[in-house]
Protein backbone atom coordinates (compact mmCIF):
# COMPACT_ATOMS: atom_id res chain seq x y z
CA MET A 1 66.11 65.96 6.78
CA GLU A 2 67.45 69.10 8.44
CA ASN A 3 63.67 70.64 8.97
CA MET A 4 62.62 66.93 10.52
CA GLN A 5 65.47 67.00 13.04
CA GLU A 6 64.57 70.65 14.21
CA GLU A 7 60.99 69.61 14.77
CA LEU A 8 61.82 66.62 16.97
CA ARG A 9 64.47 68.11 19.24
CA GLU A 10 64.24 67.88 22.60
CA ASN A 11 65.58 70.75 24.44
CA TRP A 12 64.92 74.51 23.34
CA ALA A 13 67.15 75.55 25.86
CA GLU A 14 69.60 76.65 23.24
CA LEU A 15 66.66 79.13 22.14
CA HIS A 16 66.24 80.74 25.11
CA HIS A 17 66.89 79.23 28.49
CA ASP A 18 63.60 80.13 30.06
CA PHE A 19 62.36 77.00 27.86
CA ALA A 20 63.53 74.90 30.58
CA LYS A 21 61.65 76.89 33.66
CA VAL A 22 58.87 75.17 35.15
CA TYR A 23 55.34 77.02 34.20
CA LYS A 24 52.62 77.89 36.32
CA ARG A 25 49.53 75.47 36.96
CA LEU A 26 46.73 76.53 34.63
CA TYR A 27 44.22 73.88 35.23
CA HIS A 28 43.09 71.81 38.56
CA PHE A 29 44.19 68.42 37.42
CA SER A 30 47.42 69.49 35.58
CA SER A 31 50.72 68.66 36.76
CA LYS A 32 54.25 70.86 36.48
CA ARG A 33 55.40 71.32 33.40
CA THR A 34 57.87 73.27 31.47
CA TYR A 35 57.82 76.43 29.22
CA GLN A 36 59.06 74.20 26.65
CA GLN A 37 56.13 71.33 27.16
CA LYS A 38 53.54 74.65 27.20
CA TRP A 39 54.47 75.60 23.96
CA GLU A 40 54.28 71.96 22.38
CA GLU A 41 50.88 71.82 24.08
CA TYR A 42 49.49 74.51 21.94
CA GLY A 43 51.03 72.80 18.94
CA ILE A 44 54.33 75.07 18.25
CA ASN A 45 57.35 73.00 17.27
CA TYR A 46 60.60 73.88 17.36
CA SER A 47 61.11 75.51 14.36
CA GLN A 48 58.11 77.35 14.78
CA ALA A 49 59.40 78.33 18.22
CA ARG A 50 62.69 79.43 16.76
CA GLN A 51 60.71 82.02 14.44
CA TRP A 52 58.81 83.37 17.30
CA ILE A 53 61.97 83.88 19.65
CA GLU A 54 64.07 85.59 16.43
CA GLN A 55 61.23 88.14 16.57
CA GLY A 56 61.92 89.33 20.16
CA PHE A 57 59.07 87.09 22.00
CA GLU A 58 59.94 85.35 25.20
CA PRO A 59 58.85 81.88 26.24
CA GLY A 60 56.82 83.88 28.88
CA ASP A 61 54.65 85.00 26.44
CA ILE A 62 52.83 82.00 25.65
CA THR A 63 50.23 83.18 27.93
CA GLU A 64 46.66 82.39 26.44
CA ARG A 65 46.21 86.06 25.12
CA GLY A 66 50.10 86.09 24.15
CA ILE A 67 51.88 84.01 21.57
CA ALA A 68 49.17 80.89 22.24
CA TYR A 69 46.51 83.37 20.74
CA TRP A 70 48.49 84.96 17.67
CA PHE A 71 49.48 81.44 17.03
CA ASN A 72 45.67 80.05 16.98
CA LEU A 73 44.52 83.10 15.28
CA GLY A 74 46.73 82.35 12.11
CA PHE A 75 49.28 85.09 12.65
CA THR A 76 52.93 85.00 11.75
CA PRO A 77 55.87 86.31 14.50
CA PRO A 78 56.10 89.32 12.03
CA GLU A 79 52.24 90.10 11.94
CA ALA A 80 52.02 89.61 15.92
CA ARG A 81 55.16 91.87 16.18
CA PHE A 82 53.33 94.64 13.79
CA TRP A 83 50.08 94.53 15.59
CA SER A 84 52.15 94.42 18.82
CA SER A 85 54.11 97.65 18.01
CA LEU A 86 51.07 100.03 17.40
CA PHE A 87 49.49 98.89 20.86
CA PRO A 88 52.89 98.93 23.12
CA SER A 89 51.06 99.45 26.20
CA SER A 90 49.16 96.00 25.96
CA SER A 91 50.32 94.81 29.39
CA CYS A 92 46.56 94.23 31.10
CA ILE A 93 44.51 90.83 29.67
CA GLN A 94 41.61 92.55 28.69
CA PHE A 95 43.60 95.21 26.55
CA SER A 96 45.79 92.51 24.78
CA SER A 97 42.83 90.77 24.08
CA LEU A 98 41.28 93.58 22.43
CA ILE A 99 44.69 93.95 19.87
CA LEU A 100 44.30 90.04 19.19
CA PHE A 101 40.64 90.42 17.58
CA LEU A 102 41.19 94.00 16.70
CA ALA A 103 44.12 92.45 14.14
CA SER A 104 41.67 89.47 13.43
CA TYR A 105 39.13 91.32 12.40
CA ALA A 106 40.84 93.87 10.05
CA ARG A 107 42.17 90.89 8.31
CA GLU A 108 38.92 89.42 7.92
CA LYS A 109 37.23 92.88 6.35
CA GLY A 110 40.66 93.10 4.31
CA TYR A 111 41.92 96.18 6.12
CA CYS A 112 45.44 94.23 6.78
CA GLN A 113 47.65 91.90 4.98
CA ASP A 114 50.97 90.43 5.59
CA GLY A 115 51.41 92.63 8.62
CA PHE A 116 50.55 95.84 6.84
CA PHE A 117 47.55 97.97 6.34
CA THR A 118 46.02 97.81 2.76
CA ALA A 119 44.80 100.13 0.79
CA LYS A 120 41.26 99.48 1.80
CA TYR A 121 41.97 100.86 5.23
CA TRP A 122 43.79 104.29 4.43
CA GLU A 123 40.63 104.97 2.32
CA LYS A 124 38.48 104.77 5.54
CA PHE A 125 40.53 105.38 8.04
CA ASN A 126 43.42 108.16 8.89
CA SER A 127 44.37 106.19 12.29
CA LYS A 128 44.03 103.17 14.34
CA GLU A 129 41.85 104.62 17.17
CA LYS A 130 39.07 104.75 14.32
CA LEU A 131 39.54 101.26 13.09
CA GLU A 132 39.39 100.27 16.79
CA GLN A 133 36.24 102.12 17.49
CA GLU A 134 34.36 100.56 14.08
CA TYR A 135 35.47 97.01 15.74
CA LEU A 136 34.31 98.04 19.24
CA THR A 137 30.75 99.24 17.78
CA TRP A 138 30.38 96.22 15.79
CA LYS A 139 31.03 93.80 18.53
CA LYS A 140 28.36 95.34 20.46
CA GLU A 141 26.06 95.21 18.03
CA VAL A 142 25.93 91.08 16.77
CA ALA A 143 25.56 88.31 18.77
CA ALA A 144 28.45 85.59 19.94
CA GLN A 145 27.84 83.61 16.68
CA GLU A 146 28.77 86.40 14.14
CA TRP A 147 31.82 87.51 16.45
CA LEU A 148 33.18 83.84 16.41
CA ASP A 149 32.64 83.21 12.57
CA THR A 150 34.67 86.54 11.78
CA VAL A 151 37.26 86.58 14.69
CA TYR A 152 37.73 83.02 14.22
CA PRO A 153 37.34 81.87 10.30
CA LEU A 154 36.66 78.07 9.71
CA TRP A 155 40.24 78.05 7.90
CA ILE A 156 42.03 78.78 11.30
CA ARG A 157 39.93 76.43 13.61
CA ALA A 158 41.21 73.19 12.90
CA LYS A 159 45.09 73.52 14.70
CA ILE A 160 43.45 74.97 17.62
CA LYS A 161 43.53 72.91 21.02
CA VAL A 162 42.99 75.47 23.41
CA LEU A 163 40.38 78.30 23.05
CA ASN A 164 39.64 81.07 25.87
CA LEU A 165 36.66 83.03 25.07
CA SER A 166 36.43 84.64 28.36
CA TYR A 167 35.18 87.81 29.67
CA LEU A 168 34.15 89.14 25.97
CA ASN A 169 30.33 89.68 26.88
CA LEU A 170 29.29 87.53 24.26
CA GLN A 171 25.64 87.17 24.35
CA ASP A 172 22.80 84.75 23.31
CA ASN A 173 23.64 81.20 21.38
CA LEU A 174 27.34 79.77 20.46
CA HIS A 175 27.83 77.00 18.34
CA LEU A 176 31.32 75.72 17.97
CA LYS A 177 32.27 73.58 15.05
CA GLY A 178 35.33 72.97 13.17
CA PHE A 179 37.83 72.81 16.02
CA SER A 180 38.64 69.24 15.07
CA GLN A 181 41.65 69.18 17.82
CA LEU A 182 40.06 71.16 20.78
CA THR A 183 41.04 70.13 24.42
CA HIS A 184 40.40 73.08 26.55
CA LEU A 185 37.34 75.52 25.89
CA ASP A 186 37.13 78.27 28.42
CA LEU A 187 33.55 80.54 28.16
CA TYR A 188 34.17 81.77 31.79
CA GLY A 189 31.81 85.16 32.18
CA ASN A 190 30.11 85.94 29.24
CA GLN A 191 25.95 85.98 28.77
CA LEU A 192 25.77 83.22 26.61
CA THR A 193 22.57 81.71 27.40
CA SER A 194 22.67 77.88 25.02
CA LEU A 195 25.76 76.19 24.03
CA ASP A 196 26.07 73.75 21.06
CA LEU A 197 29.08 71.29 20.84
CA SER A 198 27.52 68.63 18.98
CA ASP A 199 30.32 69.39 16.12
CA LEU A 200 33.04 69.15 18.47
CA PRO A 201 35.31 66.47 18.84
CA LYS A 202 33.74 65.18 22.43
CA GLU A 203 36.25 62.65 22.75
CA LYS A 204 39.33 64.75 22.69
CA LEU A 205 37.57 67.67 24.91
CA LEU A 206 39.33 67.76 28.67
CA VAL A 207 38.36 70.87 30.11
CA LEU A 208 35.42 72.99 29.95
CA ASN A 209 34.33 76.30 31.79
CA VAL A 210 31.25 77.85 31.47
CA ARG A 211 30.95 79.60 34.53
CA ASN A 212 29.33 83.11 35.06
CA ASN A 213 26.78 82.53 32.11
CA LYS A 214 23.18 82.31 31.89
CA ILE A 215 23.25 78.79 30.27
CA ILE A 216 20.01 76.67 30.84
CA ASP A 217 19.90 73.31 29.45
CA SER A 218 22.67 71.17 30.35
CA SER A 219 21.97 69.18 27.00
CA PHE A 220 25.24 70.16 25.81
CA LEU A 221 27.29 68.42 28.26
CA GLN A 222 26.24 64.58 26.88
CA GLY A 223 29.01 62.75 24.97
CA LEU A 224 32.33 64.36 26.91
CA VAL A 225 33.06 61.05 27.98
CA ASN A 226 36.47 62.16 28.55
CA LEU A 227 36.62 65.69 30.47
CA LYS A 228 39.05 66.18 33.37
CA GLU A 229 37.53 69.30 34.69
CA LEU A 230 34.02 70.47 34.27
CA ASP A 231 32.92 73.87 35.80
CA LEU A 232 29.33 75.15 35.78
CA ARG A 233 28.85 77.39 38.58
CA ASN A 234 26.72 80.66 38.72
CA ASN A 235 24.56 79.52 36.02
CA GLU A 236 21.66 79.94 38.36
CA SER A 237 18.94 78.99 35.59
CA LEU A 238 20.85 75.89 34.63
CA THR A 239 18.71 72.92 35.04
CA GLY A 240 19.27 68.98 34.11
CA SER A 241 20.62 66.02 35.57
CA LEU A 242 24.31 64.96 36.54
CA ALA A 243 23.90 61.58 35.34
CA MET A 244 27.14 61.58 33.35
CA LYS A 245 29.19 59.00 31.83
CA MET A 246 32.44 61.02 32.65
CA LYS A 247 34.55 58.41 34.02
CA ARG A 248 38.03 60.49 33.98
CA LEU A 249 36.49 63.63 35.69
CA ARG A 250 38.52 64.78 38.60
CA TRP A 251 37.28 68.17 39.03
CA LEU A 252 33.85 69.33 39.18
CA SER A 253 31.67 72.52 40.20
CA VAL A 254 27.84 73.09 40.19
CA ARG A 255 27.66 75.65 42.89
CA ASP A 256 24.98 78.19 42.30
CA THR A 257 23.05 75.87 39.98
CA ASN A 258 19.55 74.59 39.57
CA LEU A 259 21.18 71.22 38.53
CA ASP A 260 19.16 67.87 39.91
CA THR A 261 20.91 64.03 40.05
CA ASP A 262 21.36 61.69 42.15
CA LEU A 263 24.55 60.94 43.92
CA GLU A 264 25.38 57.67 42.84
CA HIS A 265 25.54 58.49 39.32
CA LEU A 266 28.76 61.17 39.94
CA PRO A 267 31.70 59.71 38.62
CA LEU A 268 34.04 57.56 41.13
CA SER A 269 37.27 59.51 39.59
CA LEU A 270 36.15 62.79 41.45
CA GLU A 271 38.89 64.20 43.35
CA GLU A 272 37.13 67.83 43.92
CA PHE A 273 33.31 68.45 44.14
CA TYR A 274 32.07 71.85 44.68
CA CYS A 275 27.98 72.40 45.12
CA TRP A 276 27.30 74.78 47.32
CA GLY A 277 23.93 76.06 47.39
CA THR A 278 22.03 73.22 45.43
CA SER A 279 20.10 70.39 46.43
CA LEU A 280 23.25 68.19 46.36
CA ALA A 281 24.71 70.32 49.16
CA LYS A 282 21.71 69.92 51.58
CA GLU A 283 21.79 66.16 51.03
CA LEU A 284 25.33 65.97 51.52
CA GLU A 285 25.20 68.10 54.91
CA LYS A 286 23.22 65.33 56.25
CA TYR A 287 26.71 63.47 56.74
CA LEU A 288 28.15 65.84 58.87
CA GLN A 289 29.21 64.88 62.35
CA GLU A 290 28.82 67.17 65.26
CA GLY A 291 31.43 70.22 65.55
CA GLU A 292 32.33 69.66 61.86
CA LYS A 293 32.15 72.17 59.16
CA VAL A 294 31.91 71.37 55.40
CA GLY A 295 34.54 74.33 53.87
CA ASN A 296 34.15 74.10 50.05
CA ASN A 297 35.18 70.71 48.82
CA TYR A 298 32.02 68.45 49.63
CA LEU A 299 34.26 64.80 48.46
CA PHE A 300 34.55 63.63 51.80
CA LEU A 301 30.93 64.16 52.59
CA LEU A 302 30.33 62.56 49.08
CA LYS A 303 32.51 59.50 50.32
CA ARG A 304 30.47 59.07 53.36
CA TRP A 305 27.12 59.11 51.22
CA ARG A 306 28.82 56.25 49.14
CA GLU A 307 29.63 54.23 51.99
CA LYS A 308 26.12 54.28 53.60
CA ASN A 309 24.59 53.49 50.01
CA SER A 310 26.66 51.24 48.51
CA GLU A 311 24.20 49.41 46.99
CA LYS A 312 23.30 52.47 44.97
CA VAL A 313 26.78 53.02 43.78
CA LYS A 314 27.31 49.56 42.23
CA GLU A 315 23.92 49.38 40.95
CA ALA A 316 24.40 52.79 38.63
CA GLN A 317 28.08 51.50 38.22
CA LEU A 318 27.08 48.47 36.61
CA THR A 319 24.29 49.57 34.37
CA LEU A 320 26.81 52.30 33.11
CA ALA A 321 29.18 48.99 32.16
CA GLU A 322 25.80 47.34 31.03
CA GLU A 323 25.37 50.61 28.47
CA ARG A 324 29.04 50.57 27.19
CA ILE A 325 28.93 47.24 26.44
CA VAL A 326 25.79 47.31 24.55
CA LYS A 327 27.22 50.10 22.70
CA LEU A 328 30.73 48.00 21.91
CA GLU A 329 28.63 45.19 20.57
CA LYS A 330 26.46 47.45 18.51
CA GLU A 331 29.75 49.12 16.95
CA LEU A 332 30.94 45.55 16.27
CA ALA A 333 28.00 43.73 14.84
CA GLU A 334 27.86 47.00 12.39
CA LYS A 335 32.04 46.58 11.72
CA THR A 336 31.36 42.96 11.44
CA GLU A 337 28.65 43.07 8.84
CA GLU A 338 30.73 45.71 6.88
CA LEU A 339 33.56 43.24 6.91
CA GLU A 340 31.63 40.54 5.56
CA THR A 341 30.36 42.15 2.84
CA GLU A 342 33.47 43.37 1.53
CA ARG A 343 35.35 40.02 2.29
CA ASP A 344 32.45 38.45 0.02
CA TYR A 345 33.08 41.00 -2.60
CA PHE A 346 36.65 40.41 -2.72
CA LEU A 347 36.34 36.53 -2.88
CA ARG A 348 33.88 37.09 -5.48
CA GLU A 349 36.05 39.31 -7.73
CA TYR A 350 39.00 37.24 -7.10
CA SER A 351 37.52 33.77 -8.05
CA ASN A 352 35.53 35.48 -11.37
CA ASN A 353 38.89 36.48 -12.70
CA ARG A 354 42.27 36.19 -11.15
CA GLU A 355 44.29 37.70 -13.74
CA LYS A 356 41.85 41.06 -14.66
CA TRP A 357 41.87 41.46 -10.58
CA HIS A 358 45.67 42.52 -10.62
CA TYR A 359 45.01 45.80 -12.91
CA GLU A 360 41.30 46.55 -12.27
CA ARG A 361 41.08 46.38 -8.78
CA ARG A 362 43.69 47.20 -6.33
CA LEU A 363 43.04 46.29 -2.03
CA GLU A 364 43.93 49.65 -0.31
CA SER A 365 42.55 48.47 2.89
CA PHE A 366 40.96 45.17 4.06
CA ASN A 367 37.91 47.07 3.68
CA GLU A 368 37.89 49.59 1.09
CA PHE A 369 38.80 49.20 -2.42
CA PHE A 370 40.35 51.61 -4.98
CA LEU A 371 39.31 51.18 -8.35
CA VAL A 372 42.00 51.76 -11.17
CA THR A 373 40.61 53.01 -14.35
CA LYS A 374 43.15 55.31 -16.03
CA LEU A 375 45.87 53.07 -16.33
CA GLU A 376 43.82 49.63 -17.45
CA LYS A 377 45.43 49.35 -21.07
CA LYS A 378 48.55 49.95 -19.24
CA LEU A 379 48.26 47.46 -16.61
CA ARG A 380 47.06 45.01 -18.96
CA LYS A 381 50.08 44.97 -20.93
CA LYS A 382 52.53 44.94 -18.74
CA PHE A 383 50.75 42.08 -16.75
CA ALA A 384 50.46 40.31 -20.59
CA SER A 385 54.24 41.06 -20.55
CA LEU A 386 55.10 39.14 -17.47
CA ASP A 387 56.53 35.62 -17.63
CA SER A 388 55.15 33.07 -15.15
CA GLU A 389 57.08 33.19 -12.25
CA GLN A 390 56.31 36.71 -12.29
CA ARG A 391 52.46 36.10 -12.61
CA LYS A 392 52.83 33.93 -9.67
CA GLN A 393 54.37 36.27 -7.54
CA LEU A 394 51.54 38.32 -8.43
CA GLN A 395 48.98 35.94 -7.58
CA ALA A 396 50.54 35.08 -4.15
CA GLU A 397 50.47 38.46 -3.43
CA VAL A 398 46.51 38.84 -3.63
CA THR A 399 46.47 35.29 -2.02
CA LYS A 400 48.08 36.79 1.11
CA GLN A 401 45.87 40.09 1.05
CA LYS A 402 43.01 37.24 1.11
CA ILE A 403 44.44 35.39 4.40
CA SER A 404 44.99 38.71 5.90
CA LEU A 405 41.51 39.91 5.06
CA ILE A 406 40.12 36.84 6.82
CA LYS A 407 42.66 37.39 9.96
CA ASN A 408 40.73 40.63 10.87
CA TYR A 409 37.47 39.02 10.81
CA GLN A 410 39.04 36.32 12.91
CA TRP A 411 40.15 39.11 15.00
CA LEU A 412 36.75 41.06 15.29
CA LYS A 413 35.20 37.91 16.60
CA ASP A 414 37.80 37.36 18.97
CA LYS A 415 37.24 40.53 20.17
CA TYR A 416 33.45 39.93 20.58
CA GLN A 417 34.02 36.88 22.80
CA ARG A 418 36.25 39.29 25.12
CA LEU A 419 33.44 41.65 25.16
CA GLN A 420 30.96 38.94 26.53
CA GLN A 421 33.91 37.66 29.23
CA GLU A 422 33.96 41.45 30.45
CA GLU A 423 30.37 41.13 30.90
CA GLU A 424 30.39 38.54 32.96
CA THR A 425 33.51 40.06 35.29
CA ILE A 426 31.31 43.24 35.27
CA ALA A 427 28.28 41.45 36.85
CA GLN A 428 30.55 40.00 39.44
CA MET A 429 32.59 43.10 40.53
CA GLU A 430 32.36 44.73 43.99
CA ILE A 431 32.32 48.26 44.32
CA PRO A 432 34.95 49.58 46.82
CA VAL A 433 34.13 51.19 50.07
CA PHE A 434 34.99 54.81 50.53
CA ARG A 435 36.36 55.99 53.53
CA GLN A 436 37.84 59.44 54.26
CA SER A 437 41.31 59.72 53.96
């Protein structure tokens, strides 16, 4: 109970007064937040924060190359303190990240365990400098995928929400999998030629930065429907279309890319749009007024374009809505079929032998059954020993489950009807006229 109360504490100022201070904005769409909120964003609770503070760390050490990285890589506060003490002059970002990845490399190679060097380390090295040299030589020789799989083993990936792999000179292809909680991904300043995000929870990803790489194909963007910020700039060979279904996207940069798209497919949610050095910019610059300069943000020109092309915009939005309805209807049909199958099975089993049902089968949810085998004899004996009133109660419980099942089925039918109404509403909707504020 005490541990649960600690995890639910609302104010961490008693651990360190800086937890109440405001943390700087890191992403374009992000609002101001306190250091406590920033720690919580990385998945650190009160009791974990207390362990870091007790090791001499401060709230300001939550930078992406600080506590957040140590925590993401699965290191405990004592282990992080051990490695930090080995390299006390780790103030610059590049050097501090080197320590982090060196520590993870040493752990995976068996050179370090629980914050101490192992016998394997002492047999092979006699100084930390030689270990560092081995790591740097290895990193130059391996592709990005091997580096990621070594430094970020699968067992630590599930809890990572923010992954910053910028300026690491990662080359070739990169396939990200196992990061089931990932919301922010930063690959800025590498040499990647392709990116595979097919195994990520695409609905959770909010920020994606692949600026300054050598990516060629934009297909990795498919399915990223909830992105709020997307930075694609300076991928000069990047081709493809931006006909994206990102209805929550607020910040977009495609500067110095070879992307091509129809402007009507850009999300209406955009608040900032940077497209200098592209065919999109040339099209939008036609809407500049005499003596007007465009600057970096082309959003005001995009609004003017939408005013002049409102029919195209409306048609594009209706197409997106229709595709969404078709997808929902397909999911609903599949779920309905599954539910009907389970309902028929339930009713058949219940009708065939009501008494046997109680000890052989058990309803775990309205569409999932759990077969009880090991307790069969024990449950049969227990049921036989019940009096008539107790048996009636059990039979009433099964009947209640049956009613619940049918109600869930009716709920799905109601949802289908609401979707049809939504389709009719969308067909009649009007796209607002955009005006420069």
